[in-house]
Amino acid sequence: MSNNNIALLGPEYSYSHLAGMKAFPDKEIILCDRIEQVFQTVTAKKTGQGIIPLENMLEGSVRESIKNFLRYQVKINKAYTMPIHHCLAAQDQNYEVIASHAQALAQCSGFVKKQRNITAEECASTAKAMSMAAANKKYAAIGSREAAEYQGLPILYQNIEDNPDNVTKFVAISLEETLKEENLKTSLLLKPKEDKPGLLFNLLAPFALKNINLGKIESLPSGRKMGEYVFYLEIEGNVREEKVKSALDFLQDLVDVYSLGSYEVVDLQ
């Protein structure tokens, strides 16, 4: 395993690529085609770490990322928040299709809806959309200014996101757990041992009783049978704090608890 490289979602100048360059300027970057491939690369020890998008301020969780925490035994080492500003780029104004990642299209839904007689098309990443627009003049792409410049595409509109304060949270993942103590958040997966009335109330009550702030909860299909769910939670605090340990110990009879790690959150500008 090389600790001097990092896997992330490409192609060049995707938002994950931009986040990776800012967070790890000295590391060699390995570009992946899909978010799951980042998890696979880290799990196979081909890279020391990976970076994945986890949540956008406007559109919520990147569910593809959370689902892969159920499949791969990795830990979150650090979180990064980065402002996201989208542009529309094309060879000229005569485009017929606007292409981008589903999240980017949703973040720019107001702009897209105003484009009459224009079709929206989802693709694997914003950077992939830019390469499509560079190869075919019928396409326009939503993505980063850097991706447009890299492809030599004219930028037709700038800052087209629905909210100018748009931010995405990325996380660095690896096979190793970080051991920092202060100003941390913790991500958890809770897998219920059986479904019964009041389950969700009983899952949340220990955090309230221990005065632990719950920042996020999301249910995901377990993939084992219809109606069975796994819960992803984000709480404030460290898994080694007594009150957090106490809350998690209380849950042991109800759920299998898997900590994805306690980590700090850093702003990338």
Protein backbone atom coordinates (compact mmCIF):
# COMPACT_ATOMS: atom_id res chain seq x y z
CA MET A 1 0.00 0.00 0.00
CA SER A 2 1.32 3.42 -0.94
CA ASN A 3 0.60 6.15 1.60
CA ASN A 4 1.63 8.84 -0.86
CA ASN A 5 -1.34 8.51 -3.17
CA ILE A 6 -5.07 9.05 -2.87
CA ALA A 7 -8.04 7.75 -4.87
CA LEU A 8 -10.97 9.95 -5.84
CA LEU A 9 -13.72 10.39 -8.41
CA GLY A 10 -12.46 11.78 -11.72
CA PRO A 11 -11.94 12.78 -14.44
CA GLU A 12 -9.57 15.73 -13.98
CA TYR A 13 -11.13 18.77 -12.29
CA SER A 14 -14.21 17.04 -10.99
CA TYR A 15 -15.15 18.60 -7.65
CA SER A 16 -13.67 15.57 -5.88
CA HIS A 17 -10.44 16.17 -7.79
CA LEU A 18 -10.41 19.83 -6.76
CA ALA A 19 -11.06 18.87 -3.12
CA GLY A 20 -8.27 16.29 -3.26
CA MET A 21 -5.75 18.76 -4.67
CA LYS A 22 -6.61 21.28 -1.96
CA ALA A 23 -6.62 18.80 0.92
CA PHE A 24 -3.60 16.75 -0.21
CA PRO A 25 -1.43 18.98 -2.43
CA ASP A 26 1.61 16.70 -2.09
CA LYS A 27 -0.07 13.37 -2.89
CA GLU A 28 -0.30 11.55 -6.18
CA ILE A 29 -3.93 11.35 -7.28
CA ILE A 30 -5.50 8.16 -8.64
CA LEU A 31 -8.65 8.97 -10.63
CA CYS A 32 -11.61 6.57 -10.43
CA ASP A 33 -14.67 6.24 -12.67
CA ARG A 34 -17.18 5.60 -9.89
CA ILE A 35 -17.51 6.32 -6.17
CA GLU A 36 -17.54 2.58 -5.43
CA GLN A 37 -14.21 2.25 -7.23
CA VAL A 38 -12.69 4.64 -4.67
CA PHE A 39 -13.81 2.27 -1.88
CA GLN A 40 -12.50 -0.74 -3.82
CA THR A 41 -9.12 0.90 -4.42
CA VAL A 42 -8.69 1.74 -0.73
CA THR A 43 -9.89 -1.69 0.42
CA ALA A 44 -7.46 -3.42 -1.96
CA LYS A 45 -4.64 -1.30 -0.46
CA LYS A 46 -3.78 0.21 -3.83
CA THR A 47 -3.88 3.64 -2.19
CA GLY A 48 -3.47 4.83 1.37
CA GLN A 49 -6.63 6.94 1.32
CA GLY A 50 -9.59 7.97 -0.79
CA ILE A 51 -11.81 11.03 -0.96
CA ILE A 52 -15.56 10.77 -1.56
CA PRO A 53 -18.41 13.32 -1.63
CA LEU A 54 -20.73 12.69 1.32
CA GLU A 55 -23.28 15.51 1.45
CA ASN A 56 -24.33 18.66 -0.36
CA MET A 57 -25.96 21.59 1.41
CA LEU A 58 -28.76 21.84 -1.18
CA GLU A 59 -29.38 18.24 -2.18
CA GLY A 60 -28.47 16.31 0.96
CA SER A 61 -26.62 13.01 1.19
CA VAL A 62 -24.75 11.40 -1.65
CA ARG A 63 -26.47 8.07 -1.07
CA GLU A 64 -24.04 6.17 -3.29
CA SER A 65 -21.29 7.05 -0.81
CA ILE A 66 -23.28 6.05 2.28
CA LYS A 67 -24.36 2.76 0.69
CA ASN A 68 -20.73 1.81 0.12
CA PHE A 69 -20.01 2.14 3.84
CA LEU A 70 -22.30 -0.89 4.19
CA ARG A 71 -20.22 -2.86 1.68
CA TYR A 72 -16.63 -1.90 2.55
CA GLN A 73 -14.90 -1.87 5.93
CA VAL A 74 -13.32 1.58 5.81
CA LYS A 75 -13.01 4.44 8.28
CA ILE A 76 -13.56 8.19 7.93
CA ASN A 77 -10.36 10.07 8.83
CA LYS A 78 -11.33 13.68 8.20
CA ALA A 79 -14.14 15.72 6.64
CA TYR A 80 -13.73 18.73 4.35
CA THR A 81 -16.31 21.33 3.39
CA MET A 82 -15.77 23.12 0.09
CA PRO A 83 -17.78 25.89 -1.63
CA ILE A 84 -19.26 24.68 -4.92
CA HIS A 85 -19.84 27.13 -7.78
CA HIS A 86 -21.14 25.76 -11.06
CA CYS A 87 -20.76 27.17 -14.54
CA LEU A 88 -22.31 26.20 -17.87
CA ALA A 89 -19.79 25.65 -20.66
CA ALA A 90 -20.25 24.68 -24.31
CA GLN A 91 -18.64 25.15 -27.71
CA ASP A 92 -21.29 27.76 -28.52
CA GLN A 93 -24.83 28.84 -27.65
CA ASN A 94 -26.45 26.28 -29.98
CA TYR A 95 -26.43 23.41 -27.49
CA GLU A 96 -29.37 21.00 -27.28
CA VAL A 97 -28.53 19.00 -24.14
CA ILE A 98 -27.25 20.02 -20.69
CA ALA A 99 -25.19 17.20 -19.19
CA SER A 100 -23.85 16.80 -15.65
CA HIS A 101 -23.85 14.63 -12.56
CA ALA A 102 -27.32 14.22 -11.04
CA GLN A 103 -26.32 16.24 -7.95
CA ALA A 104 -25.05 19.17 -10.03
CA LEU A 105 -28.19 19.21 -12.19
CA ALA A 106 -30.30 19.30 -9.03
CA GLN A 107 -28.17 22.06 -7.50
CA CYS A 108 -28.77 24.15 -10.63
CA SER A 109 -32.42 23.15 -11.14
CA GLY A 110 -33.62 26.75 -11.37
CA PHE A 111 -31.22 27.53 -14.21
CA VAL A 112 -31.95 24.25 -16.01
CA LYS A 113 -35.72 24.76 -15.88
CA LYS A 114 -35.35 28.15 -17.58
CA GLN A 115 -33.59 26.52 -20.54
CA ARG A 116 -36.59 25.90 -22.77
CA ASN A 117 -36.49 23.03 -25.27
CA ILE A 118 -33.21 21.85 -23.72
CA THR A 119 -32.87 18.27 -22.46
CA ALA A 120 -31.05 17.49 -19.20
CA GLU A 121 -28.89 14.36 -19.21
CA GLU A 122 -27.21 12.71 -16.21
CA CYS A 123 -23.67 11.34 -16.45
CA ALA A 124 -21.04 9.91 -14.10
CA SER A 125 -19.42 13.21 -13.06
CA THR A 126 -19.33 16.92 -13.81
CA ALA A 127 -15.88 16.51 -15.36
CA LYS A 128 -17.17 13.74 -17.63
CA ALA A 129 -19.91 16.14 -18.78
CA MET A 130 -17.25 18.70 -19.70
CA SER A 131 -15.40 16.14 -21.84
CA MET A 132 -18.70 15.27 -23.56
CA ALA A 133 -19.31 18.95 -24.35
CA ALA A 134 -15.76 19.33 -25.68
CA ALA A 135 -16.31 16.37 -28.02
CA ASN A 136 -19.83 17.19 -29.21
CA LYS A 137 -21.19 20.70 -29.78
CA LYS A 138 -24.78 19.64 -29.09
CA TYR A 139 -23.82 19.27 -25.41
CA ALA A 140 -23.40 21.93 -22.76
CA ALA A 141 -21.99 20.90 -19.38
CA ILE A 142 -22.50 22.01 -15.81
CA GLY A 143 -19.36 21.78 -13.70
CA SER A 144 -16.38 23.66 -12.35
CA ARG A 145 -14.66 26.58 -14.02
CA GLU A 146 -11.41 24.61 -13.82
CA ALA A 147 -12.93 21.66 -15.71
CA ALA A 148 -14.21 23.95 -18.46
CA GLU A 149 -10.80 25.60 -18.82
CA TYR A 150 -9.07 22.21 -18.85
CA GLN A 151 -11.29 21.13 -21.77
CA GLY A 152 -10.85 24.47 -23.58
CA LEU A 153 -14.58 25.19 -23.41
CA PRO A 154 -16.02 28.72 -23.38
CA ILE A 155 -17.90 29.47 -20.16
CA LEU A 156 -21.34 30.75 -21.13
CA TYR A 157 -22.80 31.31 -17.64
CA GLN A 158 -21.14 31.46 -14.22
CA ASN A 159 -22.42 30.80 -10.68
CA ILE A 160 -25.62 29.13 -11.86
CA GLU A 161 -26.22 27.16 -8.63
CA ASP A 162 -29.55 27.80 -6.91
CA ASN A 163 -27.82 29.08 -3.77
CA PRO A 164 -24.56 31.10 -3.88
CA ASP A 165 -23.57 29.61 -0.50
CA ASN A 166 -23.62 26.06 -1.93
CA VAL A 167 -21.21 23.75 -0.06
CA THR A 168 -20.33 20.06 -0.38
CA LYS A 169 -18.81 17.90 2.35
CA PHE A 170 -16.15 15.40 1.32
CA VAL A 171 -14.55 12.80 3.57
CA ALA A 172 -11.17 11.10 3.49
CA ILE A 173 -11.42 7.34 3.99
CA SER A 174 -8.82 4.66 4.74
CA LEU A 175 -8.47 1.28 6.43
CA GLU A 176 -7.03 2.93 9.54
CA GLU A 177 -8.85 4.82 12.27
CA THR A 178 -7.67 8.26 13.38
CA LEU A 179 -7.25 8.85 17.10
CA LYS A 180 -7.67 12.62 17.54
CA GLU A 181 -9.53 13.75 20.63
CA GLU A 182 -11.09 17.22 20.24
CA ASN A 183 -13.68 19.04 18.14
CA LEU A 184 -14.79 15.82 16.52
CA LYS A 185 -17.81 14.36 14.84
CA THR A 186 -18.51 10.64 14.72
CA SER A 187 -20.30 8.67 12.01
CA LEU A 188 -22.11 5.46 12.95
CA LEU A 189 -23.91 2.62 11.23
CA LEU A 190 -26.66 1.02 13.34
CA LYS A 191 -27.98 -2.34 12.15
CA PRO A 192 -31.16 -3.32 14.06
CA LYS A 193 -31.23 -6.89 15.37
CA GLU A 194 -34.99 -7.01 14.85
CA ASP A 195 -37.74 -4.65 13.75
CA LYS A 196 -40.25 -3.76 16.45
CA PRO A 197 -42.52 -0.85 17.49
CA GLY A 198 -40.65 2.09 18.98
CA LEU A 199 -37.32 1.04 17.48
CA LEU A 200 -36.37 4.47 16.16
CA PHE A 201 -37.37 6.16 19.43
CA ASN A 202 -35.23 3.68 21.38
CA LEU A 203 -32.29 4.28 19.02
CA LEU A 204 -32.37 8.03 19.52
CA ALA A 205 -33.24 8.22 23.23
CA PRO A 206 -29.73 7.39 24.57
CA PHE A 207 -28.23 10.32 22.66
CA ALA A 208 -30.82 12.71 24.08
CA LEU A 209 -30.37 11.35 27.62
CA LYS A 210 -26.60 11.78 27.39
CA ASN A 211 -26.92 15.28 25.88
CA ILE A 212 -25.21 14.24 22.64
CA ASN A 213 -26.13 16.38 19.64
CA LEU A 214 -27.38 14.31 16.72
CA GLY A 215 -26.50 16.07 13.46
CA LYS A 216 -27.90 13.58 10.97
CA ILE A 217 -29.85 10.36 10.67
CA GLU A 218 -30.65 8.52 7.46
CA SER A 219 -32.21 5.14 6.78
CA LEU A 220 -30.88 2.83 4.07
CA PRO A 221 -32.30 -0.48 2.83
CA SER A 222 -30.28 -3.31 4.34
CA GLY A 223 -30.30 -5.20 1.04
CA ARG A 224 -31.30 -8.38 2.86
CA LYS A 225 -35.11 -8.18 2.76
CA MET A 226 -37.88 -5.70 1.99
CA GLY A 227 -38.65 -3.30 4.83
CA GLU A 228 -35.38 -3.91 6.68
CA TYR A 229 -33.22 -0.84 7.21
CA VAL A 230 -29.82 0.26 8.45
CA PHE A 231 -29.36 3.71 10.00
CA TYR A 232 -26.50 6.12 9.28
CA LEU A 233 -25.95 8.69 12.06
CA GLU A 234 -23.64 11.63 12.64
CA ILE A 235 -23.14 12.80 16.21
CA GLU A 236 -20.97 15.40 17.89
CA GLY A 237 -18.21 13.91 19.98
CA ASN A 238 -15.60 11.16 20.11
CA VAL A 239 -16.35 7.43 20.48
CA ARG A 240 -13.87 7.35 23.38
CA GLU A 241 -15.78 9.97 25.40
CA GLU A 242 -17.55 8.42 28.37
CA LYS A 243 -20.98 9.79 27.48
CA VAL A 244 -20.69 8.54 23.89
CA LYS A 245 -19.45 5.13 25.01
CA SER A 246 -22.32 4.95 27.48
CA ALA A 247 -24.92 5.77 24.82
CA LEU A 248 -23.49 3.19 22.42
CA ASP A 249 -23.31 0.54 25.16
CA PHE A 250 -27.03 1.13 25.84
CA LEU A 251 -27.79 0.39 22.18
CA GLN A 252 -25.97 -2.95 22.05
CA ASP A 253 -29.10 -5.00 22.79
CA LEU A 254 -31.05 -3.31 19.99
CA VAL A 255 -28.53 -2.92 17.19
CA ASP A 256 -25.11 -3.88 15.94
CA VAL A 257 -23.09 -0.67 16.25
CA TYR A 258 -20.31 0.05 13.75
CA SER A 259 -18.28 3.20 14.18
CA LEU A 260 -17.02 4.72 10.92
CA GLY A 261 -14.64 6.88 12.95
CA SER A 262 -14.36 10.15 14.85
CA TYR A 263 -12.93 12.97 12.78
CA GLU A 264 -12.45 16.72 12.52
CA VAL A 265 -14.10 18.93 9.91
CA VAL A 266 -11.91 21.34 7.93
CA ASP A 267 -13.01 24.13 5.59
CA LEU A 268 -11.44 24.22 2.12
CA GLN A 269 -11.58 27.55 0.33
